[in-house]
Amino acid sequence: MKMELTAPKNYVRNRANRPDKWEHNVIESKFRDAAYMKGASFFESVSYKGRDAYRFILPEYYKASCLGCHGEPKGEKDITGGKKEGGKLGELGGAISLVIYE
């Protein structure tokens, strides 16, 4: 099993958290689609690195407590020294992604 945090490409702070192709597709085609039920996870059985796997991804939305580091103004340094992404309350900020090998 593999578990990681990921985010829409424009909100990735740590390059290790960049979405892979499957995660990116789900983020863009499902989680960012206004017709998709907000907060609903997505899962499917797919091939991952040549092995059959069950993939699961759960969207995470910015809460008030997130905005001190991830909010506005975009580009301003937060308390950790990182740059704020310009996120807004309730906006998709990331996702928890699982790969469970069959």
PDB file of N, CA and C in Angstrom:
ATOM      1  N   MET A   1       0.839  -1.179   0.000  1.00  0.00           N
ATOM      2  CA  MET A   1       0.000   0.000   0.000  1.00  0.00           C
ATOM      3  C   MET A   1       0.882   1.239   0.000  1.00  0.00           C
ATOM      4  N   LYS A   2       0.384   2.279  -0.622  1.00  0.00           N
ATOM      5  CA  LYS A   2       1.086   3.561  -0.668  1.00  0.00           C
ATOM      6  C   LYS A   2       0.063   4.650  -0.359  1.00  0.00           C
ATOM      7  N   MET A   3       0.445   5.602   0.482  1.00  0.00           N
ATOM      8  CA  MET A   3      -0.431   6.732   0.797  1.00  0.00           C
ATOM      9  C   MET A   3       0.384   8.012   0.656  1.00  0.00           C
ATOM     10  N   GLU A   4      -0.241   9.042   0.056  1.00  0.00           N
ATOM     11  CA  GLU A   4       0.456  10.311  -0.087  1.00  0.00           C
ATOM     12  C   GLU A   4      -0.539  11.461  -0.128  1.00  0.00           C
ATOM     13  N   LEU A   5      -0.019  12.644   0.079  1.00  0.00           N
ATOM     14  CA  LEU A   5      -0.789  13.865  -0.102  1.00  0.00           C
ATOM     15  C   LEU A   5      -0.426  14.423  -1.460  1.00  0.00           C
ATOM     16  N   THR A   6      -1.396  14.972  -2.126  1.00  0.00           N
ATOM     17  CA  THR A   6      -1.159  15.601  -3.416  1.00  0.00           C
ATOM     18  C   THR A   6      -2.050  16.834  -3.505  1.00  0.00           C
ATOM     19  N   ALA A   7      -1.955  17.559  -4.586  1.00  0.00           N
ATOM     20  CA  ALA A   7      -2.723  18.794  -4.734  1.00  0.00           C
ATOM     21  C   ALA A   7      -2.844  19.151  -6.207  1.00  0.00           C
ATOM     22  N   PRO A   8      -3.779  20.049  -6.526  1.00  0.00           N
ATOM     23  CA  PRO A   8      -3.790  20.574  -7.888  1.00  0.00           C
ATOM     24  C   PRO A   8      -2.403  21.152  -8.192  1.00  0.00           C
ATOM     25  N   LYS A   9      -1.958  20.993  -9.418  1.00  0.00           N
ATOM     26  CA  LYS A   9      -0.585  21.403  -9.763  1.00  0.00           C
ATOM     27  C   LYS A   9      -0.243  22.830  -9.341  1.00  0.00           C
ATOM     28  N   ASN A  10      -1.204  23.748  -9.434  1.00  0.00           N
ATOM     29  CA  ASN A  10      -0.899  25.144  -9.095  1.00  0.00           C
ATOM     30  C   ASN A  10      -0.777  25.370  -7.592  1.00  0.00           C
ATOM     31  N   TYR A  11      -1.092  24.368  -6.767  1.00  0.00           N
ATOM     32  CA  TYR A  11      -1.001  24.519  -5.312  1.00  0.00           C
ATOM     33  C   TYR A  11       0.066  23.637  -4.671  1.00  0.00           C
ATOM     34  N   VAL A  12       0.840  22.927  -5.457  1.00  0.00           N
ATOM     35  CA  VAL A  12       1.859  22.040  -4.901  1.00  0.00           C
ATOM     36  C   VAL A  12       3.027  22.863  -4.368  1.00  0.00           C
ATOM     37  N   ARG A  13       3.331  22.702  -3.084  1.00  0.00           N
ATOM     38  CA  ARG A  13       4.489  23.356  -2.465  1.00  0.00           C
ATOM     39  C   ARG A  13       5.710  22.451  -2.517  1.00  0.00           C
ATOM     40  N   ASN A  14       5.519  21.198  -2.166  1.00  0.00           N
ATOM     41  CA  ASN A  14       6.597  20.218  -2.116  1.00  0.00           C
ATOM     42  C   ASN A  14       6.538  19.392  -3.402  1.00  0.00           C
ATOM     43  N   ARG A  15       7.602  19.425  -4.186  1.00  0.00           N
ATOM     44  CA  ARG A  15       7.612  18.725  -5.473  1.00  0.00           C
ATOM     45  C   ARG A  15       7.313  17.234  -5.327  1.00  0.00           C
ATOM     46  N   ALA A  16       7.594  16.659  -4.171  1.00  0.00           N
ATOM     47  CA  ALA A  16       7.306  15.242  -3.937  1.00  0.00           C
ATOM     48  C   ALA A  16       5.796  14.979  -3.903  1.00  0.00           C
ATOM     49  N   ASN A  17       5.006  16.031  -3.746  1.00  0.00           N
ATOM     50  CA  ASN A  17       3.546  15.889  -3.683  1.00  0.00           C
ATOM     51  C   ASN A  17       2.849  16.162  -5.016  1.00  0.00           C
ATOM     52  N   ARG A  18       3.617  16.300  -6.089  1.00  0.00           N
ATOM     53  CA  ARG A  18       2.995  16.520  -7.391  1.00  0.00           C
ATOM     54  C   ARG A  18       2.083  15.353  -7.732  1.00  0.00           C
ATOM     55  N   PRO A  19       0.917  15.629  -8.302  1.00  0.00           N
ATOM     56  CA  PRO A  19       0.021  14.532  -8.660  1.00  0.00           C
ATOM     57  C   PRO A  19       0.572  13.730  -9.836  1.00  0.00           C
ATOM     58  N   ASP A  20       0.365  12.409  -9.777  1.00  0.00           N
ATOM     59  CA  ASP A  20       0.704  11.608 -10.949  1.00  0.00           C
ATOM     60  C   ASP A  20      -0.420  11.793 -11.968  1.00  0.00           C
ATOM     61  N   LYS A  21      -0.309  11.142 -13.104  1.00  0.00           N
ATOM     62  CA  LYS A  21      -1.282  11.345 -14.189  1.00  0.00           C
ATOM     63  C   LYS A  21      -2.707  10.994 -13.744  1.00  0.00           C
ATOM     64  N   TRP A  22      -2.876   9.887 -13.036  1.00  0.00           N
ATOM     65  CA  TRP A  22      -4.207   9.466 -12.576  1.00  0.00           C
ATOM     66  C   TRP A  22      -4.780  10.488 -11.592  1.00  0.00           C
ATOM     67  N   GLU A  23      -3.979  10.893 -10.603  1.00  0.00           N
ATOM     68  CA  GLU A  23      -4.433  11.873  -9.612  1.00  0.00           C
ATOM     69  C   GLU A  23      -4.798  13.194 -10.280  1.00  0.00           C
ATOM     70  N   HIS A  24      -3.950  13.649 -11.188  1.00  0.00           N
ATOM     71  CA  HIS A  24      -4.206  14.903 -11.893  1.00  0.00           C
ATOM     72  C   HIS A  24      -5.531  14.833 -12.648  1.00  0.00           C
ATOM     73  N   ASN A  25      -5.762  13.717 -13.341  1.00  0.00           N
ATOM     74  CA  ASN A  25      -7.000  13.550 -14.095  1.00  0.00           C
ATOM     75  C   ASN A  25      -8.223  13.602 -13.176  1.00  0.00           C
ATOM     76  N   VAL A  26      -8.160  12.921 -12.028  1.00  0.00           N
ATOM     77  CA  VAL A  26      -9.291  12.931 -11.093  1.00  0.00           C
ATOM     78  C   VAL A  26      -9.508  14.336 -10.527  1.00  0.00           C
ATOM     79  N   ILE A  27      -8.435  15.001 -10.143  1.00  0.00           N
ATOM     80  CA  ILE A  27      -8.545  16.364  -9.597  1.00  0.00           C
ATOM     81  C   ILE A  27      -9.212  17.288 -10.611  1.00  0.00           C
ATOM     82  N   GLU A  28      -8.745  17.243 -11.842  1.00  0.00           N
ATOM     83  CA  GLU A  28      -9.254  18.171 -12.859  1.00  0.00           C
ATOM     84  C   GLU A  28     -10.637  17.779 -13.405  1.00  0.00           C
ATOM     85  N   SER A  29     -10.867  16.485 -13.635  1.00  0.00           N
ATOM     86  CA  SER A  29     -12.119  16.083 -14.282  1.00  0.00           C
ATOM     87  C   SER A  29     -13.253  15.790 -13.298  1.00  0.00           C
ATOM     88  N   LYS A  30     -12.933  15.557 -12.050  1.00  0.00           N
ATOM     89  CA  LYS A  30     -13.963  15.255 -11.054  1.00  0.00           C
ATOM     90  C   LYS A  30     -14.034  16.360  -9.995  1.00  0.00           C
ATOM     91  N   PHE A  31     -12.978  16.486  -9.189  1.00  0.00           N
ATOM     92  CA  PHE A  31     -13.021  17.371  -8.022  1.00  0.00           C
ATOM     93  C   PHE A  31     -13.206  18.844  -8.376  1.00  0.00           C
ATOM     94  N   ARG A  32     -12.727  19.273  -9.522  1.00  0.00           N
ATOM     95  CA  ARG A  32     -12.898  20.680  -9.926  1.00  0.00           C
ATOM     96  C   ARG A  32     -14.163  20.909 -10.752  1.00  0.00           C
ATOM     97  N   ASP A  33     -14.889  19.854 -11.029  1.00  0.00           N
ATOM     98  CA  ASP A  33     -16.142  19.954 -11.784  1.00  0.00           C
ATOM     99  C   ASP A  33     -17.263  20.340 -10.822  1.00  0.00           C
ATOM    100  N   ALA A  34     -17.933  21.443 -11.087  1.00  0.00           N
ATOM    101  CA  ALA A  34     -19.003  21.933 -10.213  1.00  0.00           C
ATOM    102  C   ALA A  34     -20.132  20.915 -10.061  1.00  0.00           C
ATOM    103  N   ALA A  35     -20.292  20.014 -11.024  1.00  0.00           N
ATOM    104  CA  ALA A  35     -21.351  19.013 -10.964  1.00  0.00           C
ATOM    105  C   ALA A  35     -20.981  17.818 -10.081  1.00  0.00           C
ATOM    106  N   TYR A  36     -19.696  17.669  -9.751  1.00  0.00           N
ATOM    107  CA  TYR A  36     -19.256  16.554  -8.908  1.00  0.00           C
ATOM    108  C   TYR A  36     -19.600  16.871  -7.461  1.00  0.00           C
ATOM    109  N   MET A  37     -20.100  15.890  -6.720  1.00  0.00           N
ATOM    110  CA  MET A  37     -20.514  16.118  -5.340  1.00  0.00           C
ATOM    111  C   MET A  37     -19.302  16.492  -4.471  1.00  0.00           C
ATOM    112  N   LYS A  38     -19.335  17.692  -3.918  1.00  0.00           N
ATOM    113  CA  LYS A  38     -18.223  18.192  -3.112  1.00  0.00           C
ATOM    114  C   LYS A  38     -17.958  17.265  -1.936  1.00  0.00           C
ATOM    115  N   GLY A  39     -16.700  16.902  -1.776  1.00  0.00           N
ATOM    116  CA  GLY A  39     -16.274  16.053  -0.682  1.00  0.00           C
ATOM    117  C   GLY A  39     -16.328  14.566  -0.978  1.00  0.00           C
ATOM    118  N   ALA A  40     -16.919  14.186  -2.102  1.00  0.00           N
ATOM    119  CA  ALA A  40     -17.027  12.764  -2.446  1.00  0.00           C
ATOM    120  C   ALA A  40     -15.681  12.228  -2.923  1.00  0.00           C
ATOM    121  N   SER A  41     -15.321  11.064  -2.427  1.00  0.00           N
ATOM    122  CA  SER A  41     -14.089  10.417  -2.864  1.00  0.00           C
ATOM    123  C   SER A  41     -14.293   9.806  -4.247  1.00  0.00           C
ATOM    124  N   PHE A  42     -13.201   9.353  -4.833  1.00  0.00           N
ATOM    125  CA  PHE A  42     -13.253   8.661  -6.115  1.00  0.00           C
ATOM    126  C   PHE A  42     -12.330   7.458  -6.007  1.00  0.00           C
ATOM    127  N   PHE A  43     -12.726   6.348  -6.624  1.00  0.00           N
ATOM    128  CA  PHE A  43     -11.893   5.153  -6.592  1.00  0.00           C
ATOM    129  C   PHE A  43     -12.127   4.325  -7.844  1.00  0.00           C
ATOM    130  N   GLU A  44     -11.118   3.531  -8.186  1.00  0.00           N
ATOM    131  CA  GLU A  44     -11.248   2.585  -9.285  1.00  0.00           C
ATOM    132  C   GLU A  44     -10.090   1.603  -9.250  1.00  0.00           C
ATOM    133  N   SER A  45     -10.278   0.482  -9.923  1.00  0.00           N
ATOM    134  CA  SER A  45      -9.213  -0.500 -10.086  1.00  0.00           C
ATOM    135  C   SER A  45      -8.482  -0.185 -11.378  1.00  0.00           C
ATOM    136  N   VAL A  46      -7.172  -0.047 -11.282  1.00  0.00           N
ATOM    137  CA  VAL A  46      -6.339   0.315 -12.432  1.00  0.00           C
ATOM    138  C   VAL A  46      -4.986  -0.386 -12.323  1.00  0.00           C
ATOM    139  N   SER A  47      -4.191  -0.239 -13.343  1.00  0.00           N
ATOM    140  CA  SER A  47      -2.812  -0.711 -13.289  1.00  0.00           C
ATOM    141  C   SER A  47      -1.959   0.435 -12.757  1.00  0.00           C
ATOM    142  N   TYR A  48      -1.086   0.130 -11.806  1.00  0.00           N
ATOM    143  CA  TYR A  48      -0.182   1.137 -11.246  1.00  0.00           C
ATOM    144  C   TYR A  48       1.221   0.552 -11.211  1.00  0.00           C
ATOM    145  N   LYS A  49       2.109   1.149 -11.964  1.00  0.00           N
ATOM    146  CA  LYS A  49       3.492   0.684 -12.076  1.00  0.00           C
ATOM    147  C   LYS A  49       3.556  -0.805 -12.408  1.00  0.00           C
ATOM    148  N   GLY A  50       2.680  -1.200 -13.357  1.00  0.00           N
ATOM    149  CA  GLY A  50       2.691  -2.558 -13.849  1.00  0.00           C
ATOM    150  C   GLY A  50       1.982  -3.579 -12.975  1.00  0.00           C
ATOM    151  N   ARG A  51       1.330  -3.132 -11.908  1.00  0.00           N
ATOM    152  CA  ARG A  51       0.624  -4.051 -11.017  1.00  0.00           C
ATOM    153  C   ARG A  51      -0.840  -3.644 -10.906  1.00  0.00           C
ATOM    154  N   ASP A  52      -1.715  -4.631 -10.743  1.00  0.00           N
ATOM    155  CA  ASP A  52      -3.119  -4.330 -10.504  1.00  0.00           C
ATOM    156  C   ASP A  52      -3.254  -3.670  -9.140  1.00  0.00           C
ATOM    157  N   ALA A  53      -4.063  -2.614  -9.083  1.00  0.00           N
ATOM    158  CA  ALA A  53      -4.192  -1.877  -7.833  1.00  0.00           C
ATOM    159  C   ALA A  53      -5.565  -1.232  -7.728  1.00  0.00           C
ATOM    160  N   TYR A  54      -5.944  -0.959  -6.525  1.00  0.00           N
ATOM    161  CA  TYR A  54      -7.149  -0.207  -6.199  1.00  0.00           C
ATOM    162  C   TYR A  54      -6.672   1.188  -5.841  1.00  0.00           C
ATOM    163  N   ARG A  55      -7.184   2.204  -6.522  1.00  0.00           N
ATOM    164  CA  ARG A  55      -6.787   3.592  -6.248  1.00  0.00           C
ATOM    165  C   ARG A  55      -7.962   4.334  -5.651  1.00  0.00           C
ATOM    166  N   PHE A  56      -7.658   5.107  -4.641  1.00  0.00           N
ATOM    167  CA  PHE A  56      -8.663   5.867  -3.900  1.00  0.00           C
ATOM    168  C   PHE A  56      -8.104   7.262  -3.677  1.00  0.00           C
ATOM    169  N   ILE A  57      -8.936   8.287  -3.866  1.00  0.00           N
ATOM    170  CA  ILE A  57      -8.492   9.660  -3.640  1.00  0.00           C
ATOM    171  C   ILE A  57      -9.631  10.440  -2.981  1.00  0.00           C
ATOM    172  N   LEU A  58      -9.277  11.216  -1.968  1.00  0.00           N
ATOM    173  CA  LEU A  58     -10.238  11.980  -1.182  1.00  0.00           C
ATOM    174  C   LEU A  58      -9.869  13.460  -1.248  1.00  0.00           C
ATOM    175  N   PRO A  59     -10.773  14.311  -1.720  1.00  0.00           N
ATOM    176  CA  PRO A  59     -10.447  15.739  -1.817  1.00  0.00           C
ATOM    177  C   PRO A  59     -10.395  16.409  -0.445  1.00  0.00           C
ATOM    178  N   GLU A  60      -9.564  17.423  -0.333  1.00  0.00           N
ATOM    179  CA  GLU A  60      -9.453  18.230   0.880  1.00  0.00           C
ATOM    180  C   GLU A  60      -9.667  19.688   0.481  1.00  0.00           C
ATOM    181  N   TYR A  61     -10.484  20.383   1.245  1.00  0.00           N
ATOM    182  CA  TYR A  61     -10.827  21.768   0.943  1.00  0.00           C
ATOM    183  C   TYR A  61     -10.279  22.689   2.018  1.00  0.00           C
ATOM    184  N   TYR A  62      -9.899  23.895   1.613  1.00  0.00           N
ATOM    185  CA  TYR A  62      -9.342  24.848   2.563  1.00  0.00           C
ATOM    186  C   TYR A  62     -10.358  25.233   3.628  1.00  0.00           C
ATOM    187  N   LYS A  63      -9.932  25.125   4.883  1.00  0.00           N
ATOM    188  CA  LYS A  63     -10.709  25.581   6.029  1.00  0.00           C
ATOM    189  C   LYS A  63     -10.063  26.881   6.500  1.00  0.00           C
ATOM    190  N   ALA A  64     -10.722  27.587   7.383  1.00  0.00           N
ATOM    191  CA  ALA A  64     -10.191  28.857   7.891  1.00  0.00           C
ATOM    192  C   ALA A  64      -8.790  28.667   8.480  1.00  0.00           C
ATOM    193  N   SER A  65      -8.583  27.550   9.165  1.00  0.00           N
ATOM    194  CA  SER A  65      -7.285  27.301   9.800  1.00  0.00           C
ATOM    195  C   SER A  65      -6.161  27.060   8.786  1.00  0.00           C
ATOM    196  N   CYS A  66      -6.495  26.759   7.547  1.00  0.00           N
ATOM    197  CA  CYS A  66      -5.497  26.507   6.496  1.00  0.00           C
ATOM    198  C   CYS A  66      -4.975  27.808   5.878  1.00  0.00           C
ATOM    199  N   LEU A  67      -5.802  28.837   5.919  1.00  0.00           N
ATOM    200  CA  LEU A  67      -5.523  30.035   5.128  1.00  0.00           C
ATOM    201  C   LEU A  67      -4.381  30.887   5.650  1.00  0.00           C
ATOM    202  N   GLY A  68      -3.983  30.708   6.903  1.00  0.00           N
ATOM    203  CA  GLY A  68      -2.830  31.436   7.422  1.00  0.00           C
ATOM    204  C   GLY A  68      -1.563  31.133   6.636  1.00  0.00           C
ATOM    205  N   CYS A  69      -1.462  29.909   6.142  1.00  0.00           N
ATOM    206  CA  CYS A  69      -0.302  29.506   5.335  1.00  0.00           C
ATOM    207  C   CYS A  69      -0.614  29.397   3.846  1.00  0.00           C
ATOM    208  N   HIS A  70      -1.848  29.056   3.517  1.00  0.00           N
ATOM    209  CA  HIS A  70      -2.185  28.766   2.129  1.00  0.00           C
ATOM    210  C   HIS A  70      -3.103  29.797   1.474  1.00  0.00           C
ATOM    211  N   GLY A  71      -3.480  30.838   2.210  1.00  0.00           N
ATOM    212  CA  GLY A  71      -4.436  31.816   1.693  1.00  0.00           C
ATOM    213  C   GLY A  71      -3.807  32.981   0.958  1.00  0.00           C
ATOM    214  N   GLU A  72      -4.432  34.126   1.110  1.00  0.00           N
ATOM    215  CA  GLU A  72      -3.998  35.336   0.402  1.00  0.00           C
ATOM    216  C   GLU A  72      -3.260  36.265   1.350  1.00  0.00           C
ATOM    217  N   PRO A  73      -2.471  37.152   0.786  1.00  0.00           N
ATOM    218  CA  PRO A  73      -2.231  37.362  -0.644  1.00  0.00           C
ATOM    219  C   PRO A  73      -1.250  36.343  -1.208  1.00  0.00           C
ATOM    220  N   LYS A  74      -1.537  35.906  -2.411  1.00  0.00           N
ATOM    221  CA  LYS A  74      -0.700  34.929  -3.095  1.00  0.00           C
ATOM    222  C   LYS A  74       0.730  35.463  -3.202  1.00  0.00           C
ATOM    223  N   GLY A  75       1.687  34.584  -2.870  1.00  0.00           N
ATOM    224  CA  GLY A  75       3.100  34.954  -2.974  1.00  0.00           C
ATOM    225  C   GLY A  75       3.694  35.515  -1.698  1.00  0.00           C
ATOM    226  N   GLU A  76       2.858  35.978  -0.781  1.00  0.00           N
ATOM    227  CA  GLU A  76       3.359  36.489   0.499  1.00  0.00           C
ATOM    228  C   GLU A  76       3.918  35.326   1.308  1.00  0.00           C
ATOM    229  N   LYS A  77       4.960  35.585   2.096  1.00  0.00           N
ATOM    230  CA  LYS A  77       5.538  34.529   2.920  1.00  0.00           C
ATOM    231  C   LYS A  77       4.632  34.245   4.106  1.00  0.00           C
ATOM    232  N   ASP A  78       4.487  32.941   4.393  1.00  0.00           N
ATOM    233  CA  ASP A  78       3.713  32.538   5.564  1.00  0.00           C
ATOM    234  C   ASP A  78       4.657  32.372   6.760  1.00  0.00           C
ATOM    235  N   ILE A  79       4.149  31.879   7.882  1.00  0.00           N
ATOM    236  CA  ILE A  79       4.965  31.769   9.090  1.00  0.00           C
ATOM    237  C   ILE A  79       6.080  30.736   8.980  1.00  0.00           C
ATOM    238  N   THR A  80       6.020  29.849   8.004  1.00  0.00           N
ATOM    239  CA  THR A  80       7.071  28.848   7.814  1.00  0.00           C
ATOM    240  C   THR A  80       8.136  29.324   6.826  1.00  0.00           C
ATOM    241  N   GLY A  81       7.882  30.463   6.182  1.00  0.00           N
ATOM    242  CA  GLY A  81       8.799  30.975   5.174  1.00  0.00           C
ATOM    243  C   GLY A  81       8.413  30.579   3.761  1.00  0.00           C
ATOM    244  N   GLY A  82       7.384  29.726   3.628  1.00  0.00           N
ATOM    245  CA  GLY A  82       6.891  29.330   2.309  1.00  0.00           C
ATOM    246  C   GLY A  82       6.003  30.424   1.731  1.00  0.00           C
ATOM    247  N   LYS A  83       5.726  30.329   0.455  1.00  0.00           N
ATOM    248  CA  LYS A  83       4.865  31.320  -0.196  1.00  0.00           C
ATOM    249  C   LYS A  83       3.421  30.849  -0.185  1.00  0.00           C
ATOM    250  N   LYS A  84       2.529  31.746   0.168  1.00  0.00           N
ATOM    251  CA  LYS A  84       1.100  31.443   0.163  1.00  0.00           C
ATOM    252  C   LYS A  84       0.631  31.198  -1.268  1.00  0.00           C
ATOM    253  N   GLU A  85      -0.315  30.277  -1.410  1.00  0.00           N
ATOM    254  CA  GLU A  85      -0.826  29.911  -2.726  1.00  0.00           C
ATOM    255  C   GLU A  85      -1.983  30.783  -3.185  1.00  0.00           C
ATOM    256  N   GLY A  86      -2.587  31.527  -2.276  1.00  0.00           N
ATOM    257  CA  GLY A  86      -3.736  32.344  -2.645  1.00  0.00           C
ATOM    258  C   GLY A  86      -5.051  31.594  -2.559  1.00  0.00           C
ATOM    259  N   GLY A  87      -5.069  30.497  -1.783  1.00  0.00           N
ATOM    260  CA  GLY A  87      -6.272  29.690  -1.629  1.00  0.00           C
ATOM    261  C   GLY A  87      -7.394  30.449  -0.935  1.00  0.00           C
ATOM    262  N   LYS A  88      -8.607  30.022  -1.211  1.00  0.00           N
ATOM    263  CA  LYS A  88      -9.796  30.654  -0.639  1.00  0.00           C
ATOM    264  C   LYS A  88     -10.600  29.634   0.163  1.00  0.00           C
ATOM    265  N   LEU A  89     -11.307  30.098   1.148  1.00  0.00           N
ATOM    266  CA  LEU A  89     -12.115  29.249   2.010  1.00  0.00           C
ATOM    267  C   LEU A  89     -13.029  28.352   1.170  1.00  0.00           C
ATOM    268  N   GLY A  90     -12.997  27.044   1.425  1.00  0.00           N
ATOM    269  CA  GLY A  90     -13.848  26.098   0.724  1.00  0.00           C
ATOM    270  C   GLY A  90     -13.323  25.608  -0.610  1.00  0.00           C
ATOM    271  N   GLU A  91     -12.231  26.185  -1.087  1.00  0.00           N
ATOM    272  CA  GLU A  91     -11.660  25.797  -2.384  1.00  0.00           C
ATOM    273  C   GLU A  91     -10.856  24.501  -2.249  1.00  0.00           C
ATOM    274  N   LEU A  92     -10.822  23.709  -3.315  1.00  0.00           N
ATOM    275  CA  LEU A  92     -10.023  22.488  -3.331  1.00  0.00           C
ATOM    276  C   LEU A  92      -8.555  22.846  -3.153  1.00  0.00           C
ATOM    277  N   GLY A  93      -7.934  22.304  -2.119  1.00  0.00           N
ATOM    278  CA  GLY A  93      -6.539  22.607  -1.852  1.00  0.00           C
ATOM    279  C   GLY A  93      -5.614  21.418  -1.986  1.00  0.00           C
ATOM    280  N   GLY A  94      -6.172  20.208  -1.922  1.00  0.00           N
ATOM    281  CA  GLY A  94      -5.344  19.023  -2.009  1.00  0.00           C
ATOM    282  C   GLY A  94      -6.172  17.768  -1.960  1.00  0.00           C
ATOM    283  N   ALA A  95      -5.479  16.632  -1.827  1.00  0.00           N
ATOM    284  CA  ALA A  95      -6.163  15.351  -1.771  1.00  0.00           C
ATOM    285  C   ALA A  95      -5.279  14.321  -1.082  1.00  0.00           C
ATOM    286  N   ILE A  96      -5.925  13.350  -0.480  1.00  0.00           N
ATOM    287  CA  ILE A  96      -5.239  12.194   0.100  1.00  0.00           C
ATOM    288  C   ILE A  96      -5.407  11.064  -0.900  1.00  0.00           C
ATOM    289  N   SER A  97      -4.297  10.477  -1.319  1.00  0.00           N
ATOM    290  CA  SER A  97      -4.325   9.461  -2.366  1.00  0.00           C
ATOM    291  C   SER A  97      -3.745   8.138  -1.849  1.00  0.00           C
ATOM    292  N   LEU A  98      -4.482   7.057  -2.108  1.00  0.00           N
ATOM    293  CA  LEU A  98      -4.049   5.716  -1.709  1.00  0.00           C
ATOM    294  C   LEU A  98      -3.910   4.814  -2.923  1.00  0.00           C
ATOM    295  N   VAL A  99      -2.917   3.948  -2.863  1.00  0.00           N
ATOM    296  CA  VAL A  99      -2.763   2.861  -3.826  1.00  0.00           C
ATOM    297  C   VAL A  99      -2.697   1.579  -2.994  1.00  0.00           C
ATOM    298  N   ILE A 100      -3.617   0.663  -3.245  1.00  0.00           N
ATOM    299  CA  ILE A 100      -3.614  -0.618  -2.554  1.00  0.00           C
ATOM    300  C   ILE A 100      -3.430  -1.691  -3.625  1.00  0.00           C
ATOM    301  N   TYR A 101      -2.294  -2.380  -3.530  1.00  0.00           N
ATOM    302  CA  TYR A 101      -1.985  -3.407  -4.529  1.00  0.00           C
ATOM    303  C   TYR A 101      -2.830  -4.643  -4.306  1.00  0.00           C
ATOM    304  N   GLU A 102      -3.267  -5.262  -5.407  1.00  0.00           N
ATOM    305  CA  GLU A 102      -4.073  -6.496  -5.312  1.00  0.00           C
ATOM    306  C   GLU A 102      -3.160  -7.678  -5.106  1.00  0.00           C
TER     307      GLU A 102
END
